[in-house]
Amino acid sequence: MTTYSQTDLATRMLKDLSLVAADEVPSATDLEWANETVSSEVAMLGSVGLPIWNGNEMAVPQEYLTILSRRCGLAVAPSFGLMTFTAAQEAMREAERYMTVMAAPRLSNPLPLRTDEATGSRSRYNHLTGV
C-alpha cells in the first residue's frame, strides 16, 4: 500500500490550491505553514470521529491523498481570497461526508443473517428487521 508523508500531503494541498505550480517546489515558509495547517486539520478531523490513519507518524493512505488534500485546502482557501468562509464551510461538510464513507464503508463487514431455519424458529433479529 502506497502512503504519503505529512509533507507530501502539505505540498499536494498547495498544488491543489494552485498556490504552487505542479512542477514547483514550495518555499520553506509555505511548506511550514501548510504542514501546520495539515497537522491541525487532521487532528480536528480525528477529534470529531474521522481518523485518517493510526499511529504517531503521519502516513496518509493513497486513497485519502486527494480528498484530504482538498479538505485541508478548504481550510486555507478563504485566507487567499479563493472563496468565502461560508462557501468553504459548506464544502468542508461535503468533503467530510465522503471521508466518513471512506472511514467506515457500508457493508464492508455485514453482520451474518441468522434465521434459525433448522429449528423452525423465527430469527432473533426480527425485531430489528420487522420480519
Protein backbone atom coordinates (compact mmCIF):
# COMPACT_ATOMS: atom_id res chain seq x y z
CA MET A 1 0.00 0.00 0.00
CA THR A 2 1.38 3.38 -1.01
CA THR A 3 1.41 6.03 1.71
CA TYR A 4 2.36 9.68 1.77
CA SER A 5 4.01 11.79 4.46
CA GLN A 6 2.58 14.91 6.03
CA THR A 7 4.96 16.96 3.86
CA ASP A 8 3.70 15.16 0.74
CA LEU A 9 0.14 15.99 1.77
CA ALA A 10 1.01 19.63 2.54
CA THR A 11 2.73 20.00 -0.83
CA ARG A 12 -0.23 18.41 -2.60
CA MET A 13 -2.57 20.82 -0.82
CA LEU A 14 -0.57 23.83 -2.05
CA LYS A 15 -0.61 22.44 -5.59
CA ASP A 16 -4.34 21.65 -5.49
CA LEU A 17 -4.98 25.27 -4.50
CA SER A 18 -2.70 26.46 -7.35
CA LEU A 19 -0.58 28.31 -4.80
CA VAL A 20 2.39 26.30 -6.09
CA ALA A 21 2.77 25.11 -9.67
CA ALA A 22 2.64 21.39 -10.34
CA ASP A 23 6.36 21.24 -11.10
CA GLU A 24 7.39 23.77 -8.43
CA VAL A 25 8.87 23.05 -5.01
CA PRO A 26 7.18 25.09 -2.26
CA SER A 27 9.29 27.56 -0.33
CA ALA A 28 10.31 26.54 3.19
CA THR A 29 7.95 29.15 4.65
CA ASP A 30 4.97 27.99 2.55
CA LEU A 31 5.69 24.35 3.36
CA GLU A 32 5.97 25.05 7.09
CA TRP A 33 2.66 26.91 7.04
CA ALA A 34 0.98 24.16 5.01
CA ASN A 35 2.34 21.48 7.37
CA GLU A 36 0.91 23.35 10.36
CA THR A 37 -2.47 23.59 8.64
CA VAL A 38 -2.49 19.92 7.68
CA SER A 39 -1.49 18.87 11.19
CA SER A 40 -4.22 20.99 12.75
CA GLU A 41 -6.95 19.89 10.33
CA VAL A 42 -6.07 16.20 10.66
CA ALA A 43 -6.11 16.47 14.46
CA MET A 44 -9.50 18.17 14.31
CA LEU A 45 -10.90 15.53 11.95
CA GLY A 46 -9.70 12.81 14.30
CA SER A 47 -11.32 14.52 17.28
CA VAL A 48 -14.70 14.65 15.53
CA GLY A 49 -14.57 10.98 14.61
CA LEU A 50 -12.88 10.96 11.21
CA PRO A 51 -9.49 9.37 11.87
CA ILE A 52 -7.42 9.06 8.71
CA TRP A 53 -4.70 6.76 10.00
CA ASN A 54 -3.42 5.13 13.16
CA GLY A 55 -0.16 5.65 14.94
CA ASN A 56 2.02 8.60 15.79
CA GLU A 57 3.72 9.14 12.45
CA MET A 58 1.57 10.58 9.73
CA ALA A 59 1.29 8.19 6.81
CA VAL A 60 -1.59 9.10 4.52
CA PRO A 61 -3.06 6.12 2.64
CA GLN A 62 -3.18 6.66 -1.11
CA GLU A 63 -6.98 6.59 -1.25
CA TYR A 64 -7.12 9.58 1.15
CA LEU A 65 -4.49 11.76 -0.54
CA THR A 66 -6.75 13.69 -2.90
CA ILE A 67 -9.82 14.06 -0.69
CA LEU A 68 -7.76 15.01 2.36
CA SER A 69 -5.69 17.49 0.35
CA ARG A 70 -8.86 19.12 -0.90
CA ARG A 71 -10.41 19.12 2.58
CA CYS A 72 -7.34 20.72 4.17
CA GLY A 73 -7.14 23.18 1.29
CA LEU A 74 -10.66 24.36 2.06
CA ALA A 75 -9.43 25.45 5.48
CA VAL A 76 -6.95 27.88 3.92
CA ALA A 77 -8.72 28.93 0.72
CA PRO A 78 -10.53 31.91 2.31
CA SER A 79 -7.25 33.39 3.58
CA PHE A 80 -6.05 33.62 -0.04
CA GLY A 81 -9.33 35.01 -1.33
CA LEU A 82 -10.08 31.82 -3.25
CA MET A 83 -13.56 31.51 -1.72
CA THR A 84 -15.66 32.88 1.09
CA PHE A 85 -15.51 31.38 4.56
CA THR A 86 -19.18 30.36 4.28
CA ALA A 87 -18.59 28.56 0.97
CA ALA A 88 -15.52 26.85 2.44
CA GLN A 89 -17.52 25.64 5.46
CA GLU A 90 -20.18 24.15 3.19
CA ALA A 91 -17.56 22.48 1.01
CA MET A 92 -15.79 21.09 4.11
CA ARG A 93 -19.01 19.41 5.23
CA GLU A 94 -19.41 17.82 1.80
CA ALA A 95 -15.79 16.60 1.78
CA GLU A 96 -16.24 15.19 5.28
CA ARG A 97 -19.34 13.32 4.12
CA TYR A 98 -17.22 11.43 1.60
CA MET A 99 -14.46 10.92 4.15
CA THR A 100 -17.00 9.43 6.58
CA VAL A 101 -17.99 6.86 3.98
CA MET A 102 -14.34 6.07 3.31
CA ALA A 103 -13.57 5.73 7.05
CA ALA A 104 -16.39 3.23 7.59
CA PRO A 105 -17.59 1.80 4.28
CA ARG A 106 -21.07 0.41 4.46
CA LEU A 107 -21.44 -3.33 4.05
CA SER A 108 -17.70 -3.95 4.37
CA ASN A 109 -18.34 -6.34 7.27
CA PRO A 110 -22.05 -7.10 7.24
CA LEU A 111 -23.48 -8.95 10.20
CA PRO A 112 -24.34 -12.55 9.36
CA LEU A 113 -28.04 -13.12 8.94
CA ARG A 114 -29.22 -15.81 11.30
CA THR A 115 -32.63 -17.27 10.57
CA ASP A 116 -32.67 -20.37 12.81
CA GLU A 117 -34.27 -22.25 9.92
CA ALA A 118 -33.09 -25.60 11.26
CA THR A 119 -35.26 -25.25 14.36
CA GLY A 120 -38.12 -23.58 12.58
CA SER A 121 -37.99 -20.63 14.98
CA ARG A 122 -38.09 -17.10 13.77
CA SER A 123 -34.94 -15.04 13.52
CA ARG A 124 -33.79 -13.48 16.75
CA TYR A 125 -33.21 -10.34 14.69
CA ASN A 126 -36.86 -9.99 13.66
CA HIS A 127 -37.37 -7.07 16.00
CA LEU A 128 -34.66 -5.21 14.09
CA THR A 129 -35.78 -6.06 10.59
CA GLY A 130 -39.54 -6.05 11.12
CA VAL A 131 -39.82 -9.56 9.62
